[in-house]
Amino acid sequence: EDRFGKEGSNPADYVYLYEVPNEILDDWQVKQETQKAYDKVGESAALPGNMLKAAWIMYNMGYSEEQFHVAGSDAYNFQGVGNPHLHAKIQSREKVLDVGSGLGIDSFIASNATGPEGEVVGIDISAKEVKYAQSRAKERGLSNIQFHTADMERIPLADESIDVIISNGAFCLAPNKRKAFEELFRVLKPGGRISICTTTTQVDNLKAGVSWALCMKMF
């Protein structure tokens, strides 16, 4: 309790299960629901969070001490399900694409890894998360990073323009994963690298009238 606070003291303590009407389960409507949900996250991103919980989560996902310090005061806005940097092996001067960049944590870490002569592009379907991440990048004085509101199934980048692609927890939200992967390989340079973290849990014993959240229905 001294370390992490009382149970129920943080939004991260809760998992919400709800019924998703079949009528919204088409590609366009799924994206609209996703955008609305994460716009709400973007609206509350400036509220302070629990840094001890953030540290525990990120360390247990394999982030290094250095990466946590790079995340700095933004760490409590970490939204990932794993650590794509473990396999991305981002090098100095590389151009990195962060798919589903959210509030920017992995993009900030990538920016540090690729250095001032490299470049990081973050894309996310939530305009409010993009706006927040861009404002934080400016406040951090990061000139090698930019964020755009975009759909991973229609990435606004040129063919073969990216050295490394990372994604942390966003791919479960792509209704058409084949199309999304085609886009990734379109923008990836020959010999480039892709590191994606994603997870889902499916069980058959949920209570009547209760369903997994929308992202879990994408698998």
C-alpha atoms as a PDB file:
ATOM      1  CA  GLU A   1       0.000   0.000   0.000  1.00  0.00           C
ATOM      2  CA  ASP A   2       2.869   2.391   0.772  1.00  0.00           C
ATOM      3  CA  ARG A   3       4.439   1.539  -2.576  1.00  0.00           C
ATOM      4  CA  PHE A   4       1.474   1.448  -4.920  1.00  0.00           C
ATOM      5  CA  GLY A   5      -1.411   3.056  -3.019  1.00  0.00           C
ATOM      6  CA  LYS A   6      -4.703   1.540  -1.940  1.00  0.00           C
ATOM      7  CA  GLU A   7      -6.510  -0.842  -4.250  1.00  0.00           C
ATOM      8  CA  GLY A   8      -8.899   1.109  -6.448  1.00  0.00           C
ATOM      9  CA  SER A   9      -6.874   4.312  -6.187  1.00  0.00           C
ATOM     10  CA  ASN A  10      -5.828   4.351  -9.835  1.00  0.00           C
ATOM     11  CA  PRO A  11      -7.722   3.844 -13.133  1.00  0.00           C
ATOM     12  CA  ALA A  12      -5.206   1.132 -14.028  1.00  0.00           C
ATOM     13  CA  ASP A  13      -6.676  -1.005 -11.224  1.00  0.00           C
ATOM     14  CA  TYR A  14      -9.814  -1.631 -13.253  1.00  0.00           C
ATOM     15  CA  VAL A  15     -10.671  -3.786 -16.245  1.00  0.00           C
ATOM     16  CA  TYR A  16     -13.983  -2.986 -17.863  1.00  0.00           C
ATOM     17  CA  LEU A  17     -15.961  -5.711 -19.603  1.00  0.00           C
ATOM     18  CA  TYR A  18     -18.925  -4.679 -21.682  1.00  0.00           C
ATOM     19  CA  GLU A  19     -21.208  -5.875 -24.424  1.00  0.00           C
ATOM     20  CA  VAL A  20     -20.339  -4.677 -27.929  1.00  0.00           C
ATOM     21  CA  PRO A  21     -23.423  -4.541 -30.155  1.00  0.00           C
ATOM     22  CA  ASN A  22     -23.008  -6.576 -33.309  1.00  0.00           C
ATOM     23  CA  GLU A  23     -24.181  -3.631 -35.371  1.00  0.00           C
ATOM     24  CA  ILE A  24     -20.954  -1.702 -34.722  1.00  0.00           C
ATOM     25  CA  LEU A  25     -18.650  -4.566 -35.575  1.00  0.00           C
ATOM     26  CA  ASP A  26     -17.775  -3.454 -39.079  1.00  0.00           C
ATOM     27  CA  ASP A  27     -14.441  -1.877 -39.963  1.00  0.00           C
ATOM     28  CA  TRP A  28     -15.482   1.762 -40.077  1.00  0.00           C
ATOM     29  CA  GLN A  29     -17.612   1.666 -36.959  1.00  0.00           C
ATOM     30  CA  VAL A  30     -14.942  -0.215 -35.007  1.00  0.00           C
ATOM     31  CA  LYS A  31     -12.471   2.529 -35.850  1.00  0.00           C
ATOM     32  CA  GLN A  32     -14.939   5.194 -34.780  1.00  0.00           C
ATOM     33  CA  GLU A  33     -15.489   3.464 -31.436  1.00  0.00           C
ATOM     34  CA  THR A  34     -11.740   3.075 -30.963  1.00  0.00           C
ATOM     35  CA  GLN A  35     -11.127   6.732 -31.756  1.00  0.00           C
ATOM     36  CA  LYS A  36     -13.785   7.881 -29.292  1.00  0.00           C
ATOM     37  CA  ALA A  37     -12.429   5.644 -26.519  1.00  0.00           C
ATOM     38  CA  TYR A  38      -8.844   6.802 -26.897  1.00  0.00           C
ATOM     39  CA  ASP A  39      -9.807  10.438 -27.357  1.00  0.00           C
ATOM     40  CA  LYS A  40     -11.130  10.197 -23.792  1.00  0.00           C
ATOM     41  CA  VAL A  41      -7.718   8.895 -22.717  1.00  0.00           C
ATOM     42  CA  GLY A  42      -6.090  11.842 -24.448  1.00  0.00           C
ATOM     43  CA  GLU A  43      -8.359  14.261 -22.596  1.00  0.00           C
ATOM     44  CA  SER A  44      -7.152  12.991 -19.209  1.00  0.00           C
ATOM     45  CA  ALA A  45      -3.490  12.455 -20.102  1.00  0.00           C
ATOM     46  CA  ALA A  46      -2.314  15.570 -18.286  1.00  0.00           C
ATOM     47  CA  LEU A  47      -3.587  14.268 -14.944  1.00  0.00           C
ATOM     48  CA  PRO A  48      -0.705  13.004 -12.752  1.00  0.00           C
ATOM     49  CA  GLY A  49      -0.404   9.261 -12.256  1.00  0.00           C
ATOM     50  CA  ASN A  50       1.421   6.772 -10.037  1.00  0.00           C
ATOM     51  CA  MET A  51       5.083   6.648 -11.080  1.00  0.00           C
ATOM     52  CA  LEU A  52       5.835   3.670  -8.818  1.00  0.00           C
ATOM     53  CA  LYS A  53       3.204   1.599 -10.596  1.00  0.00           C
ATOM     54  CA  ALA A  54       4.565   2.790 -13.935  1.00  0.00           C
ATOM     55  CA  ALA A  55       8.074   1.732 -12.943  1.00  0.00           C
ATOM     56  CA  TRP A  56       6.904  -1.699 -11.776  1.00  0.00           C
ATOM     57  CA  ILE A  57       4.958  -2.307 -15.000  1.00  0.00           C
ATOM     58  CA  MET A  58       7.709  -1.124 -17.351  1.00  0.00           C
ATOM     59  CA  TYR A  59      10.502  -2.974 -15.542  1.00  0.00           C
ATOM     60  CA  ASN A  60       8.471  -6.178 -15.610  1.00  0.00           C
ATOM     61  CA  MET A  61       8.011  -5.749 -19.348  1.00  0.00           C
ATOM     62  CA  GLY A  62      11.736  -5.560 -19.857  1.00  0.00           C
ATOM     63  CA  TYR A  63      12.343  -1.828 -20.113  1.00  0.00           C
ATOM     64  CA  SER A  64      15.761  -0.795 -18.886  1.00  0.00           C
ATOM     65  CA  GLU A  65      16.525   1.772 -16.219  1.00  0.00           C
ATOM     66  CA  GLU A  66      17.726   4.101 -18.960  1.00  0.00           C
ATOM     67  CA  GLN A  67      14.512   3.685 -20.983  1.00  0.00           C
ATOM     68  CA  PHE A  68      12.391   4.377 -17.915  1.00  0.00           C
ATOM     69  CA  HIS A  69      14.348   7.548 -17.250  1.00  0.00           C
ATOM     70  CA  VAL A  70      13.902   8.590 -20.884  1.00  0.00           C
ATOM     71  CA  ALA A  71      10.142   8.130 -20.429  1.00  0.00           C
ATOM     72  CA  GLY A  72      10.539  10.338 -17.369  1.00  0.00           C
ATOM     73  CA  SER A  73       7.446  12.091 -16.092  1.00  0.00           C
ATOM     74  CA  ASP A  74       5.431  10.653 -19.004  1.00  0.00           C
ATOM     75  CA  ALA A  75       5.926   7.077 -17.784  1.00  0.00           C
ATOM     76  CA  TYR A  76       2.588   6.938 -15.963  1.00  0.00           C
ATOM     77  CA  ASN A  77       0.907   7.359 -19.360  1.00  0.00           C
ATOM     78  CA  PHE A  78       2.454   4.107 -20.611  1.00  0.00           C
ATOM     79  CA  GLN A  79      -0.206   2.170 -22.560  1.00  0.00           C
ATOM     80  CA  GLY A  80       1.709  -0.827 -23.895  1.00  0.00           C
ATOM     81  CA  VAL A  81       1.388  -4.562 -23.407  1.00  0.00           C
ATOM     82  CA  GLY A  82       5.069  -5.413 -23.859  1.00  0.00           C
ATOM     83  CA  ASN A  83       8.417  -3.951 -24.913  1.00  0.00           C
ATOM     84  CA  PRO A  84       8.967  -3.712 -28.696  1.00  0.00           C
ATOM     85  CA  HIS A  85      12.424  -2.216 -28.164  1.00  0.00           C
ATOM     86  CA  LEU A  86      13.797  -5.597 -27.055  1.00  0.00           C
ATOM     87  CA  HIS A  87      13.682  -6.846 -30.643  1.00  0.00           C
ATOM     88  CA  ALA A  88      13.615  -3.578 -32.592  1.00  0.00           C
ATOM     89  CA  LYS A  89      17.257  -2.827 -31.708  1.00  0.00           C
ATOM     90  CA  ILE A  90      16.926   0.772 -32.893  1.00  0.00           C
ATOM     91  CA  GLN A  91      20.245   2.214 -34.038  1.00  0.00           C
ATOM     92  CA  SER A  92      21.551   5.750 -34.345  1.00  0.00           C
ATOM     93  CA  ARG A  93      20.295   7.686 -37.409  1.00  0.00           C
ATOM     94  CA  GLU A  94      17.516   5.221 -38.234  1.00  0.00           C
ATOM     95  CA  LYS A  95      14.011   6.311 -39.208  1.00  0.00           C
ATOM     96  CA  VAL A  96      11.426   4.704 -36.925  1.00  0.00           C
ATOM     97  CA  LEU A  97       7.660   4.357 -37.288  1.00  0.00           C
ATOM     98  CA  ASP A  98       5.605   3.864 -34.111  1.00  0.00           C
ATOM     99  CA  VAL A  99       2.208   2.417 -35.095  1.00  0.00           C
ATOM    100  CA  GLY A 100      -0.458   3.273 -32.539  1.00  0.00           C
ATOM    101  CA  SER A 101       1.857   5.693 -30.768  1.00  0.00           C
ATOM    102  CA  GLY A 102      -0.747   6.720 -28.192  1.00  0.00           C
ATOM    103  CA  LEU A 103       0.616   9.262 -25.714  1.00  0.00           C
ATOM    104  CA  GLY A 104       4.130   8.900 -27.083  1.00  0.00           C
ATOM    105  CA  ILE A 105       6.104   6.893 -24.518  1.00  0.00           C
ATOM    106  CA  ASP A 106       7.660   4.366 -26.919  1.00  0.00           C
ATOM    107  CA  SER A 107       8.230   7.118 -29.471  1.00  0.00           C
ATOM    108  CA  PHE A 108      10.191   9.150 -26.908  1.00  0.00           C
ATOM    109  CA  ILE A 109      12.319   6.095 -26.130  1.00  0.00           C
ATOM    110  CA  ALA A 110      12.849   5.483 -29.855  1.00  0.00           C
ATOM    111  CA  SER A 111      13.784   9.143 -30.325  1.00  0.00           C
ATOM    112  CA  ASN A 112      16.521   8.775 -27.732  1.00  0.00           C
ATOM    113  CA  ALA A 113      17.809   5.584 -29.372  1.00  0.00           C
ATOM    114  CA  THR A 114      17.983   6.946 -32.915  1.00  0.00           C
ATOM    115  CA  GLY A 115      19.462  10.269 -31.832  1.00  0.00           C
ATOM    116  CA  PRO A 116      19.166  13.783 -33.262  1.00  0.00           C
ATOM    117  CA  GLU A 117      20.224  12.618 -36.736  1.00  0.00           C
ATOM    118  CA  GLY A 118      17.502   9.957 -36.808  1.00  0.00           C
ATOM    119  CA  GLU A 119      13.760  10.413 -37.055  1.00  0.00           C
ATOM    120  CA  VAL A 120      10.652   9.026 -35.355  1.00  0.00           C
ATOM    121  CA  VAL A 121       7.135   9.182 -36.780  1.00  0.00           C
ATOM    122  CA  GLY A 122       4.234   8.221 -34.539  1.00  0.00           C
ATOM    123  CA  ILE A 123       0.769   7.555 -35.941  1.00  0.00           C
ATOM    124  CA  ASP A 124      -2.452   7.013 -34.020  1.00  0.00           C
ATOM    125  CA  ILE A 125      -6.158   7.031 -34.806  1.00  0.00           C
ATOM    126  CA  SER A 126      -6.904   9.235 -31.792  1.00  0.00           C
ATOM    127  CA  ALA A 127      -6.485  12.928 -32.639  1.00  0.00           C
ATOM    128  CA  LYS A 128      -6.475  13.903 -28.967  1.00  0.00           C
ATOM    129  CA  GLU A 129      -3.712  11.452 -28.077  1.00  0.00           C
ATOM    130  CA  VAL A 130      -1.712  12.691 -31.056  1.00  0.00           C
ATOM    131  CA  LYS A 131      -2.195  16.304 -29.965  1.00  0.00           C
ATOM    132  CA  TYR A 132      -1.028  15.478 -26.441  1.00  0.00           C
ATOM    133  CA  ALA A 133       1.997  13.487 -27.618  1.00  0.00           C
ATOM    134  CA  GLN A 134       3.023  16.263 -30.002  1.00  0.00           C
ATOM    135  CA  SER A 135       2.754  18.859 -27.238  1.00  0.00           C
ATOM    136  CA  ARG A 136       4.899  16.721 -24.942  1.00  0.00           C
ATOM    137  CA  ALA A 137       7.515  16.246 -27.677  1.00  0.00           C
ATOM    138  CA  LYS A 138       7.687  20.021 -28.087  1.00  0.00           C
ATOM    139  CA  GLU A 139       7.972  20.530 -24.327  1.00  0.00           C
ATOM    140  CA  ARG A 140      10.765  17.958 -24.242  1.00  0.00           C
ATOM    141  CA  GLY A 141      12.596  19.820 -27.008  1.00  0.00           C
ATOM    142  CA  LEU A 142      12.590  16.816 -29.347  1.00  0.00           C
ATOM    143  CA  SER A 143      13.156  17.975 -32.911  1.00  0.00           C
ATOM    144  CA  ASN A 144      13.473  14.509 -34.443  1.00  0.00           C
ATOM    145  CA  ILE A 145       9.948  13.310 -33.715  1.00  0.00           C
ATOM    146  CA  GLN A 146       6.509  14.012 -35.154  1.00  0.00           C
ATOM    147  CA  PHE A 147       3.047  12.605 -34.549  1.00  0.00           C
ATOM    148  CA  HIS A 148       0.181  12.294 -37.025  1.00  0.00           C
ATOM    149  CA  THR A 149      -3.455  11.261 -36.799  1.00  0.00           C
ATOM    150  CA  ALA A 150      -3.607   8.311 -39.169  1.00  0.00           C
ATOM    151  CA  ASP A 151      -5.004   4.831 -39.767  1.00  0.00           C
ATOM    152  CA  MET A 152      -2.499   1.976 -39.755  1.00  0.00           C
ATOM    153  CA  GLU A 153      -4.356   0.545 -42.737  1.00  0.00           C
ATOM    154  CA  ARG A 154      -3.518   3.735 -44.676  1.00  0.00           C
ATOM    155  CA  ILE A 155      -0.119   4.952 -43.511  1.00  0.00           C
ATOM    156  CA  PRO A 156       0.745   8.427 -44.892  1.00  0.00           C
ATOM    157  CA  LEU A 157       4.378   7.622 -45.696  1.00  0.00           C
ATOM    158  CA  ALA A 158       6.301   6.856 -48.869  1.00  0.00           C
ATOM    159  CA  ASP A 159       7.214   3.341 -49.966  1.00  0.00           C
ATOM    160  CA  GLU A 160      10.402   1.892 -48.458  1.00  0.00           C
ATOM    161  CA  SER A 161      11.002   4.932 -46.228  1.00  0.00           C
ATOM    162  CA  ILE A 162      11.258   3.332 -42.754  1.00  0.00           C
ATOM    163  CA  ASP A 163      14.138   1.398 -41.151  1.00  0.00           C
ATOM    164  CA  VAL A 164      12.301   0.097 -38.080  1.00  0.00           C
ATOM    165  CA  ILE A 165       8.614  -0.274 -37.188  1.00  0.00           C
ATOM    166  CA  ILE A 166       7.450  -0.695 -33.606  1.00  0.00           C
ATOM    167  CA  SER A 167       3.935  -1.149 -32.247  1.00  0.00           C
ATOM    168  CA  ASN A 168       2.874  -1.729 -28.667  1.00  0.00           C
ATOM    169  CA  GLY A 169      -0.668  -2.912 -28.066  1.00  0.00           C
ATOM    170  CA  ALA A 170      -2.259  -1.244 -31.095  1.00  0.00           C
ATOM    171  CA  PHE A 171      -2.474  -4.089 -33.590  1.00  0.00           C
ATOM    172  CA  CYS A 172      -5.323  -5.766 -31.741  1.00  0.00           C
ATOM    173  CA  LEU A 173      -7.413  -2.733 -32.725  1.00  0.00           C
ATOM    174  CA  ALA A 174      -6.907  -3.119 -36.493  1.00  0.00           C
ATOM    175  CA  PRO A 175     -10.064  -4.656 -38.012  1.00  0.00           C
ATOM    176  CA  ASN A 176      -8.214  -5.639 -41.199  1.00  0.00           C
ATOM    177  CA  LYS A 177      -4.859  -6.959 -40.035  1.00  0.00           C
ATOM    178  CA  ARG A 178      -3.855  -8.198 -43.462  1.00  0.00           C
ATOM    179  CA  LYS A 179      -4.228  -4.696 -44.866  1.00  0.00           C
ATOM    180  CA  ALA A 180      -2.347  -3.235 -41.909  1.00  0.00           C
ATOM    181  CA  PHE A 181       0.571  -5.621 -42.398  1.00  0.00           C
ATOM    182  CA  GLU A 182       0.615  -4.873 -46.123  1.00  0.00           C
ATOM    183  CA  GLU A 183       0.985  -1.198 -45.256  1.00  0.00           C
ATOM    184  CA  LEU A 184       3.820  -1.922 -42.846  1.00  0.00           C
ATOM    185  CA  PHE A 185       5.732  -3.867 -45.460  1.00  0.00           C
ATOM    186  CA  ARG A 186       5.023  -1.170 -48.057  1.00  0.00           C
ATOM    187  CA  VAL A 187       6.711   1.578 -46.010  1.00  0.00           C
ATOM    188  CA  LEU A 188       9.496  -0.663 -44.652  1.00  0.00           C
ATOM    189  CA  LYS A 189      12.867  -0.520 -46.369  1.00  0.00           C
ATOM    190  CA  PRO A 190      14.304  -3.799 -47.713  1.00  0.00           C
ATOM    191  CA  GLY A 191      16.018  -5.495 -44.786  1.00  0.00           C
ATOM    192  CA  GLY A 192      14.118  -3.340 -42.299  1.00  0.00           C
ATOM    193  CA  ARG A 193      12.788  -4.614 -38.971  1.00  0.00           C
ATOM    194  CA  ILE A 194       9.331  -4.886 -37.409  1.00  0.00           C
ATOM    195  CA  SER A 195       8.726  -5.439 -33.688  1.00  0.00           C
ATOM    196  CA  ILE A 196       5.100  -5.735 -32.565  1.00  0.00           C
ATOM    197  CA  CYS A 197       3.726  -6.383 -29.084  1.00  0.00           C
ATOM    198  CA  THR A 198       0.099  -7.432 -28.809  1.00  0.00           C
ATOM    199  CA  THR A 199      -1.961  -9.608 -26.511  1.00  0.00           C
ATOM    200  CA  THR A 200      -5.460 -10.902 -26.000  1.00  0.00           C
ATOM    201  CA  THR A 201      -7.296 -13.198 -23.622  1.00  0.00           C
ATOM    202  CA  GLN A 202     -10.331 -15.242 -24.588  1.00  0.00           C
ATOM    203  CA  VAL A 203     -12.304 -17.463 -22.228  1.00  0.00           C
ATOM    204  CA  ASP A 204     -15.728 -19.038 -22.505  1.00  0.00           C
ATOM    205  CA  ASN A 205     -16.956 -18.569 -18.945  1.00  0.00           C
ATOM    206  CA  LEU A 206     -17.902 -14.873 -18.909  1.00  0.00           C
ATOM    207  CA  LYS A 207     -21.212 -14.053 -17.282  1.00  0.00           C
ATOM    208  CA  ALA A 208     -24.307 -13.750 -19.430  1.00  0.00           C
ATOM    209  CA  GLY A 209     -24.517 -10.307 -20.993  1.00  0.00           C
ATOM    210  CA  VAL A 210     -20.801  -9.611 -20.456  1.00  0.00           C
ATOM    211  CA  SER A 211     -18.352  -9.468 -23.327  1.00  0.00           C
ATOM    212  CA  TRP A 212     -14.675  -8.751 -23.782  1.00  0.00           C
ATOM    213  CA  ALA A 213     -13.818  -5.172 -24.680  1.00  0.00           C
ATOM    214  CA  LEU A 214     -13.838  -4.157 -28.341  1.00  0.00           C
ATOM    215  CA  CYS A 215     -10.093  -4.658 -28.850  1.00  0.00           C
ATOM    216  CA  MET A 216     -10.395  -8.313 -27.840  1.00  0.00           C
ATOM    217  CA  LYS A 217     -13.002  -8.859 -30.568  1.00  0.00           C
ATOM    218  CA  MET A 218     -10.452  -7.982 -33.225  1.00  0.00           C
ATOM    219  CA  PHE A 219      -8.858 -11.447 -32.989  1.00  0.00           C
END
